[in-house]
PDB file of N, CA and C in Angstrom:
ATOM      1  N   MET A   1     -26.557 -38.277-161.808  1.00  0.00           N
ATOM      2  CA  MET A   1     -26.276 -38.326-160.367  1.00  0.00           C
ATOM      3  C   MET A   1     -26.166 -39.825-159.697  1.00  0.00           C
ATOM      4  N   SER A   2     -24.828 -40.067-159.269  1.00  0.00           N
ATOM      5  CA  SER A   2     -24.597 -41.356-158.691  1.00  0.00           C
ATOM      6  C   SER A   2     -25.159 -41.447-157.205  1.00  0.00           C
ATOM      7  N   PRO A   3     -25.515 -42.580-156.727  1.00  0.00           N
ATOM      8  CA  PRO A   3     -25.824 -42.363-155.410  1.00  0.00           C
ATOM      9  C   PRO A   3     -24.657 -41.862-154.266  1.00  0.00           C
ATOM     10  N   THR A   4     -23.624 -41.984-154.728  1.00  0.00           N
ATOM     11  CA  THR A   4     -22.495 -41.415-153.827  1.00  0.00           C
ATOM     12  C   THR A   4     -22.536 -39.933-153.836  1.00  0.00           C
ATOM     13  N   ASP A   5     -23.095 -39.392-154.745  1.00  0.00           N
ATOM     14  CA  ASP A   5     -23.309 -37.839-154.889  1.00  0.00           C
ATOM     15  C   ASP A   5     -24.355 -37.423-153.858  1.00  0.00           C
ATOM     16  N   SER A   6     -24.804 -38.146-153.279  1.00  0.00           N
ATOM     17  CA  SER A   6     -26.156 -37.956-152.473  1.00  0.00           C
ATOM     18  C   SER A   6     -25.970 -37.251-151.054  1.00  0.00           C
ATOM     19  N   THR A   7     -26.843 -36.423-150.551  1.00  0.00           N
ATOM     20  CA  THR A   7     -26.610 -35.960-149.344  1.00  0.00           C
ATOM     21  C   THR A   7     -27.729 -36.590-148.402  1.00  0.00           C
ATOM     22  N   ILE A   8     -27.143 -37.052-147.202  1.00  0.00           N
ATOM     23  CA  ILE A   8     -28.200 -37.905-146.301  1.00  0.00           C
ATOM     24  C   ILE A   8     -28.142 -37.229-144.987  1.00  0.00           C
ATOM     25  N   LEU A   9     -29.312 -36.861-144.508  1.00  0.00           N
ATOM     26  CA  LEU A   9     -29.478 -36.234-143.143  1.00  0.00           C
ATOM     27  C   LEU A   9     -29.869 -37.353-142.191  1.00  0.00           C
ATOM     28  N   VAL A  10     -28.755 -37.326-141.448  1.00  0.00           N
ATOM     29  CA  VAL A  10     -29.074 -38.612-140.109  1.00  0.00           C
ATOM     30  C   VAL A  10     -29.566 -37.896-138.890  1.00  0.00           C
ATOM     31  N   VAL A  11     -30.623 -38.319-138.421  1.00  0.00           N
ATOM     32  CA  VAL A  11     -31.323 -37.950-137.168  1.00  0.00           C
ATOM     33  C   VAL A  11     -31.149 -39.047-136.161  1.00  0.00           C
ATOM     34  N   GLU A  12     -30.258 -38.759-135.042  1.00  0.00           N
ATOM     35  CA  GLU A  12     -30.133 -39.816-134.165  1.00  0.00           C
ATOM     36  C   GLU A  12     -29.737 -39.194-132.775  1.00  0.00           C
ATOM     37  N   ASP A  13     -30.381 -39.371-131.540  1.00  0.00           N
ATOM     38  CA  ASP A  13     -30.257 -38.640-130.538  1.00  0.00           C
ATOM     39  C   ASP A  13     -29.104 -39.225-129.638  1.00  0.00           C
ATOM     40  N   ASP A  14     -28.662 -40.301-130.000  1.00  0.00           N
ATOM     41  CA  ASP A  14     -27.567 -41.084-129.294  1.00  0.00           C
ATOM     42  C   ASP A  14     -26.136 -40.567-129.963  1.00  0.00           C
ATOM     43  N   ALA A  15     -25.414 -39.870-129.489  1.00  0.00           N
ATOM     44  CA  ALA A  15     -24.188 -39.306-130.229  1.00  0.00           C
ATOM     45  C   ALA A  15     -23.378 -40.310-130.700  1.00  0.00           C
ATOM     46  N   ILE A  16     -23.155 -41.309-129.908  1.00  0.00           N
ATOM     47  CA  ILE A  16     -22.176 -42.283-130.325  1.00  0.00           C
ATOM     48  C   ILE A  16     -22.710 -43.175-131.453  1.00  0.00           C
ATOM     49  N   VAL A  17     -24.001 -43.427-131.468  1.00  0.00           N
ATOM     50  CA  VAL A  17     -24.614 -44.182-132.686  1.00  0.00           C
ATOM     51  C   VAL A  17     -24.680 -43.102-133.812  1.00  0.00           C
ATOM     52  N   ARG A  18     -25.161 -41.946-133.731  1.00  0.00           N
ATOM     53  CA  ARG A  18     -25.110 -40.999-134.864  1.00  0.00           C
ATOM     54  C   ARG A  18     -23.661 -40.869-135.435  1.00  0.00           C
ATOM     55  N   MET A  19     -22.448 -40.961-134.521  1.00  0.00           N
ATOM     56  CA  MET A  19     -21.124 -40.758-135.074  1.00  0.00           C
ATOM     57  C   MET A  19     -20.761 -42.121-135.933  1.00  0.00           C
ATOM     58  N   LEU A  20     -21.360 -43.212-135.457  1.00  0.00           N
ATOM     59  CA  LEU A  20     -20.956 -44.416-136.234  1.00  0.00           C
ATOM     60  C   LEU A  20     -21.451 -44.451-137.360  1.00  0.00           C
ATOM     61  N   ILE A  21     -22.690 -43.975-137.519  1.00  0.00           N
ATOM     62  CA  ILE A  21     -23.751 -43.963-138.856  1.00  0.00           C
ATOM     63  C   ILE A  21     -23.271 -43.162-139.754  1.00  0.00           C
ATOM     64  N   VAL A  22     -22.831 -41.789-139.281  1.00  0.00           N
ATOM     65  CA  VAL A  22     -22.073 -40.704-140.141  1.00  0.00           C
ATOM     66  C   VAL A  22     -20.881 -41.335-140.460  1.00  0.00           C
ATOM     67  N   ASP A  23     -19.684 -41.943-139.751  1.00  0.00           N
ATOM     68  CA  ASP A  23     -18.590 -42.317-140.137  1.00  0.00           C
ATOM     69  C   ASP A  23     -18.729 -43.509-141.379  1.00  0.00           C
ATOM     70  N   VAL A  24     -19.764 -44.387-141.333  1.00  0.00           N
ATOM     71  CA  VAL A  24     -19.997 -45.531-142.136  1.00  0.00           C
ATOM     72  C   VAL A  24     -20.227 -44.730-143.341  1.00  0.00           C
ATOM     73  N   LEU A  25     -21.249 -43.858-143.487  1.00  0.00           N
ATOM     74  CA  LEU A  25     -21.803 -43.211-144.743  1.00  0.00           C
ATOM     75  C   LEU A  25     -20.696 -42.437-145.314  1.00  0.00           C
ATOM     76  N   GLU A  26     -20.028 -41.706-144.495  1.00  0.00           N
ATOM     77  CA  GLU A  26     -18.890 -40.949-145.116  1.00  0.00           C
ATOM     78  C   GLU A  26     -17.937 -41.894-145.921  1.00  0.00           C
ATOM     79  N   GLU A  27     -17.528 -42.799-145.253  1.00  0.00           N
ATOM     80  CA  GLU A  27     -16.805 -43.929-145.716  1.00  0.00           C
ATOM     81  C   GLU A  27     -17.240 -44.464-147.112  1.00  0.00           C
ATOM     82  N   LEU A  28     -18.466 -44.602-147.120  1.00  0.00           N
ATOM     83  CA  LEU A  28     -19.121 -44.894-148.456  1.00  0.00           C
ATOM     84  C   LEU A  28     -19.324 -43.745-149.542  1.00  0.00           C
ATOM     85  N   GLU A  29     -18.753 -42.698-149.029  1.00  0.00           N
ATOM     86  CA  GLU A  29     -18.691 -41.477-149.981  1.00  0.00           C
ATOM     87  C   GLU A  29     -19.973 -40.573-149.969  1.00  0.00           C
ATOM     88  N   PHE A  30     -20.840 -40.827-148.999  1.00  0.00           N
ATOM     89  CA  PHE A  30     -21.991 -39.929-149.274  1.00  0.00           C
ATOM     90  C   PHE A  30     -21.760 -38.451-148.364  1.00  0.00           C
ATOM     91  N   THR A  31     -22.121 -37.622-148.943  1.00  0.00           N
ATOM     92  CA  THR A  31     -22.225 -36.562-147.791  1.00  0.00           C
ATOM     93  C   THR A  31     -23.344 -36.633-146.941  1.00  0.00           C
ATOM     94  N   VAL A  32     -22.821 -36.325-145.598  1.00  0.00           N
ATOM     95  CA  VAL A  32     -23.727 -36.502-144.455  1.00  0.00           C
ATOM     96  C   VAL A  32     -23.888 -35.059-143.691  1.00  0.00           C
ATOM     97  N   VAL A  33     -25.322 -34.832-143.455  1.00  0.00           N
ATOM     98  CA  VAL A  33     -25.679 -33.693-142.550  1.00  0.00           C
ATOM     99  C   VAL A  33     -26.243 -34.330-141.204  1.00  0.00           C
ATOM    100  N   GLU A  34     -25.799 -33.881-140.048  1.00  0.00           N
ATOM    101  CA  GLU A  34     -26.406 -34.699-138.728  1.00  0.00           C
ATOM    102  C   GLU A  34     -27.280 -33.737-138.118  1.00  0.00           C
ATOM    103  N   ALA A  35     -28.003 -34.469-137.254  1.00  0.00           N
ATOM    104  CA  ALA A  35     -29.065 -33.667-136.412  1.00  0.00           C
ATOM    105  C   ALA A  35     -29.165 -34.484-135.219  1.00  0.00           C
ATOM    106  N   ALA A  36     -29.271 -34.049-133.984  1.00  0.00           N
ATOM    107  CA  ALA A  36     -29.212 -34.730-132.897  1.00  0.00           C
ATOM    108  C   ALA A  36     -30.739 -34.903-132.476  1.00  0.00           C
ATOM    109  N   GLY A  37     -31.876 -34.259-133.083  1.00  0.00           N
ATOM    110  CA  GLY A  37     -33.227 -34.442-132.694  1.00  0.00           C
ATOM    111  C   GLY A  37     -33.977 -33.888-133.798  1.00  0.00           C
ATOM    112  N   SER A  38     -35.395 -33.944-133.431  1.00  0.00           N
ATOM    113  CA  SER A  38     -35.997 -33.595-134.450  1.00  0.00           C
ATOM    114  C   SER A  38     -36.381 -31.969-134.904  1.00  0.00           C
ATOM    115  N   ASP A  39     -36.058 -31.150-133.921  1.00  0.00           N
ATOM    116  CA  ASP A  39     -36.033 -29.645-133.915  1.00  0.00           C
ATOM    117  C   ASP A  39     -34.906 -29.237-135.052  1.00  0.00           C
ATOM    118  N   GLU A  40     -33.619 -29.910-134.608  1.00  0.00           N
ATOM    119  CA  GLU A  40     -32.411 -29.704-135.312  1.00  0.00           C
ATOM    120  C   GLU A  40     -32.801 -30.171-136.852  1.00  0.00           C
ATOM    121  N   ALA A  41     -33.322 -31.268-137.086  1.00  0.00           N
ATOM    122  CA  ALA A  41     -33.516 -31.829-138.371  1.00  0.00           C
ATOM    123  C   ALA A  41     -34.590 -30.918-139.100  1.00  0.00           C
ATOM    124  N   LEU A  42     -35.507 -30.522-138.349  1.00  0.00           N
ATOM    125  CA  LEU A  42     -36.538 -29.691-139.144  1.00  0.00           C
ATOM    126  C   LEU A  42     -35.981 -28.446-139.420  1.00  0.00           C
ATOM    127  N   ALA A  43     -34.978 -27.966-138.773  1.00  0.00           N
ATOM    128  CA  ALA A  43     -33.998 -26.611-139.240  1.00  0.00           C
ATOM    129  C   ALA A  43     -33.599 -26.903-140.479  1.00  0.00           C
ATOM    130  N   ARG A  44     -32.940 -27.886-140.388  1.00  0.00           N
ATOM    131  CA  ARG A  44     -32.086 -28.305-141.788  1.00  0.00           C
ATOM    132  C   ARG A  44     -33.041 -28.694-142.962  1.00  0.00           C
ATOM    133  N   LEU A  45     -34.118 -29.165-142.695  1.00  0.00           N
ATOM    134  CA  LEU A  45     -35.092 -29.499-143.675  1.00  0.00           C
ATOM    135  C   LEU A  45     -35.765 -28.131-144.356  1.00  0.00           C
ATOM    136  N   GLN A  46     -35.976 -27.222-143.407  1.00  0.00           N
ATOM    137  CA  GLN A  46     -36.545 -25.888-143.882  1.00  0.00           C
ATOM    138  C   GLN A  46     -35.544 -25.060-144.663  1.00  0.00           C
ATOM    139  N   ASP A  47     -34.185 -25.305-144.678  1.00  0.00           N
ATOM    140  CA  ASP A  47     -33.216 -24.590-145.248  1.00  0.00           C
ATOM    141  C   ASP A  47     -33.201 -25.030-146.745  1.00  0.00           C
ATOM    142  N   GLY A  48     -33.787 -24.220-147.409  1.00  0.00           N
ATOM    143  CA  GLY A  48     -34.120 -24.505-148.875  1.00  0.00           C
ATOM    144  C   GLY A  48     -32.842 -24.626-149.819  1.00  0.00           C
ATOM    145  N   ALA A  49     -31.756 -24.009-149.193  1.00  0.00           N
ATOM    146  CA  ALA A  49     -30.419 -24.083-149.793  1.00  0.00           C
ATOM    147  C   ALA A  49     -29.571 -25.477-149.751  1.00  0.00           C
ATOM    148  N   LEU A  50     -29.981 -26.310-148.653  1.00  0.00           N
ATOM    149  CA  LEU A  50     -29.305 -27.382-148.334  1.00  0.00           C
ATOM    150  C   LEU A  50     -30.005 -28.504-149.002  1.00  0.00           C
ATOM    151  N   ARG A  51     -29.235 -29.247-150.024  1.00  0.00           N
ATOM    152  CA  ARG A  51     -29.774 -30.404-150.588  1.00  0.00           C
ATOM    153  C   ARG A  51     -29.815 -31.629-149.730  1.00  0.00           C
ATOM    154  N   ILE A  52     -30.794 -32.193-149.706  1.00  0.00           N
ATOM    155  CA  ILE A  52     -30.971 -33.552-148.823  1.00  0.00           C
ATOM    156  C   ILE A  52     -31.624 -34.733-149.767  1.00  0.00           C
ATOM    157  N   ASP A  53     -30.858 -35.618-150.023  1.00  0.00           N
ATOM    158  CA  ASP A  53     -31.550 -36.522-150.758  1.00  0.00           C
ATOM    159  C   ASP A  53     -32.142 -37.888-150.043  1.00  0.00           C
ATOM    160  N   LEU A  54     -31.901 -38.158-148.725  1.00  0.00           N
ATOM    161  CA  LEU A  54     -32.457 -39.008-147.812  1.00  0.00           C
ATOM    162  C   LEU A  54     -32.387 -38.615-146.459  1.00  0.00           C
ATOM    163  N   LEU A  55     -33.654 -38.755-145.910  1.00  0.00           N
ATOM    164  CA  LEU A  55     -33.551 -38.680-144.455  1.00  0.00           C
ATOM    165  C   LEU A  55     -33.600 -40.114-143.650  1.00  0.00           C
ATOM    166  N   MET A  56     -32.524 -40.329-142.912  1.00  0.00           N
ATOM    167  CA  MET A  56     -32.476 -41.449-142.122  1.00  0.00           C
ATOM    168  C   MET A  56     -32.535 -40.922-140.723  1.00  0.00           C
ATOM    169  N   THR A  57     -33.505 -41.370-139.933  1.00  0.00           N
ATOM    170  CA  THR A  57     -33.877 -40.956-138.728  1.00  0.00           C
ATOM    171  C   THR A  57     -34.205 -42.351-137.730  1.00  0.00           C
ATOM    172  N   ASP A  58     -33.777 -41.884-136.595  1.00  0.00           N
ATOM    173  CA  ASP A  58     -34.303 -42.984-135.616  1.00  0.00           C
ATOM    174  C   ASP A  58     -35.567 -43.009-135.316  1.00  0.00           C
ATOM    175  N   VAL A  59     -36.341 -43.973-135.017  1.00  0.00           N
ATOM    176  CA  VAL A  59     -37.819 -43.886-134.714  1.00  0.00           C
ATOM    177  C   VAL A  59     -38.026 -43.351-133.256  1.00  0.00           C
ATOM    178  N   GLY A  60     -37.351 -43.803-132.335  1.00  0.00           N
ATOM    179  CA  GLY A  60     -37.203 -43.420-131.037  1.00  0.00           C
ATOM    180  C   GLY A  60     -36.614 -42.221-130.476  1.00  0.00           C
ATOM    181  N   LEU A  61     -37.118 -41.050-131.100  1.00  0.00           N
ATOM    182  CA  LEU A  61     -36.513 -39.688-130.689  1.00  0.00           C
ATOM    183  C   LEU A  61     -37.350 -39.099-129.457  1.00  0.00           C
ATOM    184  N   PRO A  62     -36.560 -38.429-128.759  1.00  0.00           N
ATOM    185  CA  PRO A  62     -37.207 -37.742-127.457  1.00  0.00           C
ATOM    186  C   PRO A  62     -38.090 -36.539-128.187  1.00  0.00           C
ATOM    187  N   GLY A  63     -39.342 -36.272-127.607  1.00  0.00           N
ATOM    188  CA  GLY A  63     -40.040 -35.069-128.227  1.00  0.00           C
ATOM    189  C   GLY A  63     -40.854 -35.726-129.358  1.00  0.00           C
ATOM    190  N   MET A  64     -40.554 -35.110-130.339  1.00  0.00           N
ATOM    191  CA  MET A  64     -41.368 -35.631-131.617  1.00  0.00           C
ATOM    192  C   MET A  64     -40.475 -36.865-132.017  1.00  0.00           C
ATOM    193  N   ASP A  65     -41.223 -37.994-132.341  1.00  0.00           N
ATOM    194  CA  ASP A  65     -40.463 -39.309-132.758  1.00  0.00           C
ATOM    195  C   ASP A  65     -40.126 -39.299-134.309  1.00  0.00           C
ATOM    196  N   GLY A  66     -39.604 -40.117-134.770  1.00  0.00           N
ATOM    197  CA  GLY A  66     -39.199 -40.189-135.962  1.00  0.00           C
ATOM    198  C   GLY A  66     -40.175 -40.450-137.001  1.00  0.00           C
ATOM    199  N   LYS A  67     -41.435 -40.902-136.654  1.00  0.00           N
ATOM    200  CA  LYS A  67     -42.575 -40.933-137.535  1.00  0.00           C
ATOM    201  C   LYS A  67     -43.131 -39.539-137.720  1.00  0.00           C
ATOM    202  N   GLU A  68     -43.326 -38.766-136.618  1.00  0.00           N
ATOM    203  CA  GLU A  68     -43.721 -37.459-136.693  1.00  0.00           C
ATOM    204  C   GLU A  68     -42.914 -36.555-137.517  1.00  0.00           C
ATOM    205  N   LEU A  69     -41.713 -36.776-137.368  1.00  0.00           N
ATOM    206  CA  LEU A  69     -40.530 -35.782-138.058  1.00  0.00           C
ATOM    207  C   LEU A  69     -40.701 -36.415-139.499  1.00  0.00           C
ATOM    208  N   ALA A  70     -40.857 -37.468-139.912  1.00  0.00           N
ATOM    209  CA  ALA A  70     -40.906 -38.018-141.220  1.00  0.00           C
ATOM    210  C   ALA A  70     -42.342 -37.091-141.973  1.00  0.00           C
ATOM    211  N   ALA A  71     -43.378 -37.297-141.205  1.00  0.00           N
ATOM    212  CA  ALA A  71     -44.515 -36.748-141.714  1.00  0.00           C
ATOM    213  C   ALA A  71     -44.418 -35.007-141.945  1.00  0.00           C
ATOM    214  N   GLN A  72     -43.614 -34.351-141.126  1.00  0.00           N
ATOM    215  CA  GLN A  72     -43.320 -32.928-141.352  1.00  0.00           C
ATOM    216  C   GLN A  72     -42.268 -32.662-142.360  1.00  0.00           C
ATOM    217  N   ALA A  73     -41.081 -33.579-142.476  1.00  0.00           N
ATOM    218  CA  ALA A  73     -40.322 -33.679-143.442  1.00  0.00           C
ATOM    219  C   ALA A  73     -41.036 -33.762-144.881  1.00  0.00           C
ATOM    220  N   ARG A  74     -41.890 -34.577-145.038  1.00  0.00           N
ATOM    221  CA  ARG A  74     -42.715 -34.896-146.294  1.00  0.00           C
ATOM    222  C   ARG A  74     -43.577 -33.769-146.659  1.00  0.00           C
ATOM    223  N   ALA A  75     -44.217 -32.922-145.586  1.00  0.00           N
ATOM    224  CA  ALA A  75     -44.745 -31.804-145.714  1.00  0.00           C
ATOM    225  C   ALA A  75     -43.884 -30.632-146.317  1.00  0.00           C
ATOM    226  N   LEU A  76     -42.780 -30.479-145.936  1.00  0.00           N
ATOM    227  CA  LEU A  76     -41.683 -29.709-146.694  1.00  0.00           C
ATOM    228  C   LEU A  76     -41.042 -30.074-147.881  1.00  0.00           C
ATOM    229  N   ARG A  77     -40.725 -31.376-148.030  1.00  0.00           N
ATOM    230  CA  ARG A  77     -40.031 -31.910-148.977  1.00  0.00           C
ATOM    231  C   ARG A  77     -41.088 -33.139-149.451  1.00  0.00           C
ATOM    232  N   PRO A  78     -41.916 -32.997-150.396  1.00  0.00           N
ATOM    233  CA  PRO A  78     -42.797 -34.235-150.618  1.00  0.00           C
ATOM    234  C   PRO A  78     -42.219 -35.409-151.163  1.00  0.00           C
ATOM    235  N   ASP A  79     -41.335 -35.498-151.823  1.00  0.00           N
ATOM    236  CA  ASP A  79     -40.542 -36.409-152.385  1.00  0.00           C
ATOM    237  C   ASP A  79     -39.481 -37.141-151.668  1.00  0.00           C
ATOM    238  N   LEU A  80     -38.997 -36.510-150.908  1.00  0.00           N
ATOM    239  CA  LEU A  80     -37.957 -36.941-149.824  1.00  0.00           C
ATOM    240  C   LEU A  80     -37.831 -38.433-149.372  1.00  0.00           C
ATOM    241  N   PRO A  81     -37.109 -39.347-149.928  1.00  0.00           N
ATOM    242  CA  PRO A  81     -37.206 -40.789-149.337  1.00  0.00           C
ATOM    243  C   PRO A  81     -36.694 -40.648-147.848  1.00  0.00           C
ATOM    244  N   ILE A  82     -37.267 -41.459-147.035  1.00  0.00           N
ATOM    245  CA  ILE A  82     -37.167 -41.594-145.567  1.00  0.00           C
ATOM    246  C   ILE A  82     -36.703 -42.964-145.221  1.00  0.00           C
ATOM    247  N   LEU A  83     -35.847 -43.217-144.399  1.00  0.00           N
ATOM    248  CA  LEU A  83     -35.200 -44.595-143.972  1.00  0.00           C
ATOM    249  C   LEU A  83     -35.431 -44.396-142.324  1.00  0.00           C
ATOM    250  N   PHE A  84     -36.040 -45.132-141.782  1.00  0.00           N
ATOM    251  CA  PHE A  84     -36.265 -45.331-140.240  1.00  0.00           C
ATOM    252  C   PHE A  84     -35.153 -46.468-139.853  1.00  0.00           C
ATOM    253  N   ALA A  85     -34.519 -46.143-138.762  1.00  0.00           N
ATOM    254  CA  ALA A  85     -33.837 -47.000-138.121  1.00  0.00           C
ATOM    255  C   ALA A  85     -34.376 -47.379-136.565  1.00  0.00           C
ATOM    256  N   SER A  86     -34.418 -48.652-136.404  1.00  0.00           N
ATOM    257  CA  SER A  86     -35.301 -49.068-135.132  1.00  0.00           C
ATOM    258  C   SER A  86     -34.629 -50.321-134.729  1.00  0.00           C
ATOM    259  N   GLY A  87     -34.604 -50.404-133.436  1.00  0.00           N
ATOM    260  CA  GLY A  87     -34.366 -51.646-132.832  1.00  0.00           C
ATOM    261  C   GLY A  87     -35.430 -52.623-132.744  1.00  0.00           C
ATOM    262  N   TYR A  88     -36.555 -52.081-133.073  1.00  0.00           N
ATOM    263  CA  TYR A  88     -37.894 -52.922-133.135  1.00  0.00           C
ATOM    264  C   TYR A  88     -38.467 -52.942-134.699  1.00  0.00           C
ATOM    265  N   ALA A  89     -37.560 -53.069-135.714  1.00  0.00           N
ATOM    266  CA  ALA A  89     -37.984 -52.862-136.876  1.00  0.00           C
ATOM    267  C   ALA A  89     -39.015 -53.886-137.498  1.00  0.00           C
ATOM    268  N   GLU A  90     -39.090 -55.172-136.804  1.00  0.00           N
ATOM    269  CA  GLU A  90     -39.985 -55.901-137.304  1.00  0.00           C
ATOM    270  C   GLU A  90     -41.459 -55.694-136.862  1.00  0.00           C
ATOM    271  N   ASN A  91     -41.617 -54.660-136.019  1.00  0.00           N
ATOM    272  CA  ASN A  91     -42.854 -54.263-135.239  1.00  0.00           C
ATOM    273  C   ASN A  91     -43.220 -52.908-135.591  1.00  0.00           C
ATOM    274  N   ILE A  92     -42.612 -52.271-136.788  1.00  0.00           N
ATOM    275  CA  ILE A  92     -43.088 -51.005-137.077  1.00  0.00           C
ATOM    276  C   ILE A  92     -43.625 -50.971-138.434  1.00  0.00           C
ATOM    277  N   GLU A  93     -44.615 -50.324-138.874  1.00  0.00           N
ATOM    278  CA  GLU A  93     -45.253 -50.227-140.231  1.00  0.00           C
ATOM    279  C   GLU A  93     -44.751 -48.894-140.721  1.00  0.00           C
ATOM    280  N   VAL A  94     -44.209 -48.870-141.872  1.00  0.00           N
ATOM    281  CA  VAL A  94     -43.855 -47.658-142.555  1.00  0.00           C
ATOM    282  C   VAL A  94     -44.680 -47.202-143.643  1.00  0.00           C
ATOM    283  N   PRO A  95     -45.225 -45.946-143.768  1.00  0.00           N
ATOM    284  CA  PRO A  95     -45.841 -45.510-144.877  1.00  0.00           C
ATOM    285  C   PRO A  95     -45.190 -45.867-146.379  1.00  0.00           C
ATOM    286  N   VAL A  96     -45.970 -45.789-147.458  1.00  0.00           N
ATOM    287  CA  VAL A  96     -45.509 -46.011-148.599  1.00  0.00           C
ATOM    288  C   VAL A  96     -44.353 -45.107-149.068  1.00  0.00           C
ATOM    289  N   GLY A  97     -43.265 -45.542-149.669  1.00  0.00           N
ATOM    290  CA  GLY A  97     -42.307 -44.717-149.968  1.00  0.00           C
ATOM    291  C   GLY A  97     -41.187 -44.562-148.991  1.00  0.00           C
ATOM    292  N   MET A  98     -41.478 -45.102-147.863  1.00  0.00           N
ATOM    293  CA  MET A  98     -40.428 -45.093-146.722  1.00  0.00           C
ATOM    294  C   MET A  98     -40.098 -46.467-146.308  1.00  0.00           C
ATOM    295  N   ALA A  99     -38.779 -46.682-145.923  1.00  0.00           N
ATOM    296  CA  ALA A  99     -38.121 -47.948-145.582  1.00  0.00           C
ATOM    297  C   ALA A  99     -37.612 -47.918-144.248  1.00  0.00           C
ATOM    298  N   VAL A 100     -37.377 -49.144-143.720  1.00  0.00           N
ATOM    299  CA  VAL A 100     -36.843 -49.263-142.326  1.00  0.00           C
ATOM    300  C   VAL A 100     -35.749 -50.142-142.495  1.00  0.00           C
ATOM    301  N   ILE A 101     -34.758 -49.925-141.326  1.00  0.00           N
ATOM    302  CA  ILE A 101     -33.414 -51.005-141.191  1.00  0.00           C
ATOM    303  C   ILE A 101     -33.451 -51.263-139.673  1.00  0.00           C
ATOM    304  N   GLY A 102     -33.234 -52.439-139.426  1.00  0.00           N
ATOM    305  CA  GLY A 102     -33.273 -52.801-138.112  1.00  0.00           C
ATOM    306  C   GLY A 102     -31.902 -52.595-137.383  1.00  0.00           C
ATOM    307  N   LYS A 103     -32.040 -52.102-136.232  1.00  0.00           N
ATOM    308  CA  LYS A 103     -30.646 -52.053-135.322  1.00  0.00           C
ATOM    309  C   LYS A 103     -30.518 -53.218-134.609  1.00  0.00           C
ATOM    310  N   PRO A 104     -29.233 -53.682-134.394  1.00  0.00           N
ATOM    311  CA  PRO A 104     -27.991 -53.090-135.061  1.00  0.00           C
ATOM    312  C   PRO A 104     -28.057 -53.638-136.405  1.00  0.00           C
ATOM    313  N   PHE A 105     -27.295 -52.778-137.345  1.00  0.00           N
ATOM    314  CA  PHE A 105     -27.124 -53.161-138.673  1.00  0.00           C
ATOM    315  C   PHE A 105     -25.843 -53.200-139.130  1.00  0.00           C
ATOM    316  N   SER A 106     -25.340 -54.036-140.119  1.00  0.00           N
ATOM    317  CA  SER A 106     -24.000 -54.027-140.568  1.00  0.00           C
ATOM    318  C   SER A 106     -23.666 -52.912-141.468  1.00  0.00           C
ATOM    319  N   ILE A 107     -22.400 -52.475-141.724  1.00  0.00           N
ATOM    320  CA  ILE A 107     -22.119 -51.564-142.626  1.00  0.00           C
ATOM    321  C   ILE A 107     -22.792 -52.162-143.957  1.00  0.00           C
ATOM    322  N   ASP A 108     -22.641 -53.323-144.410  1.00  0.00           N
ATOM    323  CA  ASP A 108     -23.106 -53.815-145.792  1.00  0.00           C
ATOM    324  C   ASP A 108     -24.528 -53.654-145.843  1.00  0.00           C
ATOM    325  N   GLN A 109     -25.313 -53.899-144.721  1.00  0.00           N
ATOM    326  CA  GLN A 109     -26.767 -53.700-144.785  1.00  0.00           C
ATOM    327  C   GLN A 109     -27.242 -52.214-144.890  1.00  0.00           C
ATOM    328  N   LEU A 110     -26.600 -51.249-144.493  1.00  0.00           N
ATOM    329  CA  LEU A 110     -26.760 -50.089-144.470  1.00  0.00           C
ATOM    330  C   LEU A 110     -26.409 -49.456-145.846  1.00  0.00           C
ATOM    331  N   ARG A 111     -25.225 -49.894-146.298  1.00  0.00           N
ATOM    332  CA  ARG A 111     -24.915 -49.468-147.824  1.00  0.00           C
ATOM    333  C   ARG A 111     -25.843 -50.022-148.549  1.00  0.00           C
ATOM    334  N   ASP A 112     -26.245 -51.150-148.595  1.00  0.00           N
ATOM    335  CA  ASP A 112     -27.374 -51.913-149.498  1.00  0.00           C
ATOM    336  C   ASP A 112     -28.532 -51.311-149.519  1.00  0.00           C
ATOM    337  N   LYS A 113     -29.147 -50.933-148.250  1.00  0.00           N
ATOM    338  CA  LYS A 113     -30.386 -50.207-148.091  1.00  0.00           C
ATOM    339  C   LYS A 113     -30.366 -48.746-148.793  1.00  0.00           C
ATOM    340  N   VAL A 114     -29.393 -48.081-148.371  1.00  0.00           N
ATOM    341  CA  VAL A 114     -29.178 -46.558-148.837  1.00  0.00           C
ATOM    342  C   VAL A 114     -29.094 -46.600-150.357  1.00  0.00           C
ATOM    343  N   ARG A 115     -28.351 -47.496-150.918  1.00  0.00           N
ATOM    344  CA  ARG A 115     -28.319 -47.517-152.271  1.00  0.00           C
ATOM    345  C   ARG A 115     -29.580 -47.841-153.226  1.00  0.00           C
ATOM    346  N   THR A 116     -30.309 -49.084-152.659  1.00  0.00           N
ATOM    347  CA  THR A 116     -31.442 -49.336-152.976  1.00  0.00           C
ATOM    348  C   THR A 116     -32.621 -48.173-153.036  1.00  0.00           C
ATOM    349  N   ILE A 117     -32.572 -47.258-151.893  1.00  0.00           N
ATOM    350  CA  ILE A 117     -33.446 -46.163-151.659  1.00  0.00           C
ATOM    351  C   ILE A 117     -33.111 -45.301-152.895  1.00  0.00           C
ATOM    352  N   LEU A 118     -31.911 -44.888-152.969  1.00  0.00           N
ATOM    353  CA  LEU A 118     -31.343 -43.899-153.757  1.00  0.00           C
ATOM    354  C   LEU A 118     -31.181 -44.232-155.045  1.00  0.00           C
ATOM    355  N   GLY A 119     -31.509 -45.631-155.606  1.00  0.00           N
ATOM    356  CA  GLY A 119     -31.355 -45.942-156.785  1.00  0.00           C
ATOM    357  C   GLY A 119     -29.968 -46.076-157.477  1.00  0.00           C
TER     358      GLY A 119
END
C-alpha cells in the first residue's frame, strides 16, 4: 500500500479550514473523510467498514477536544496514527505515536508530515 492509497479522517470545526485541508490532501491523492467535530469523528471511527489510516484533528475542538478524541480513537483503533493540528504546536505535548503540525502550515509541510507518518 502506498501512502496515497491511504484514507485520512480530518476533524476540524472551522468549515473553511477543514475545506482547505481536505482540498490539499485530495490534491495529494489521499482519500479524505471529513468530520466537523468529535461526535461526528467518533461515529466514523466506530464504523468498522470504514478504513481510516490516519486521524488528523484540530486540538481546539468545542466539547471534546482533540486530545480526548485521540484517546477515544485509540480505544477504538489502537494502532491508528494521529496528527494534531494546532496554532500552539510548540506548547502541546503529544503522546507517543502521535504527531503535531503547527497552524498555519504549508502544503509541503502537510504533505511531508502525512507521508512521514504513513511511511
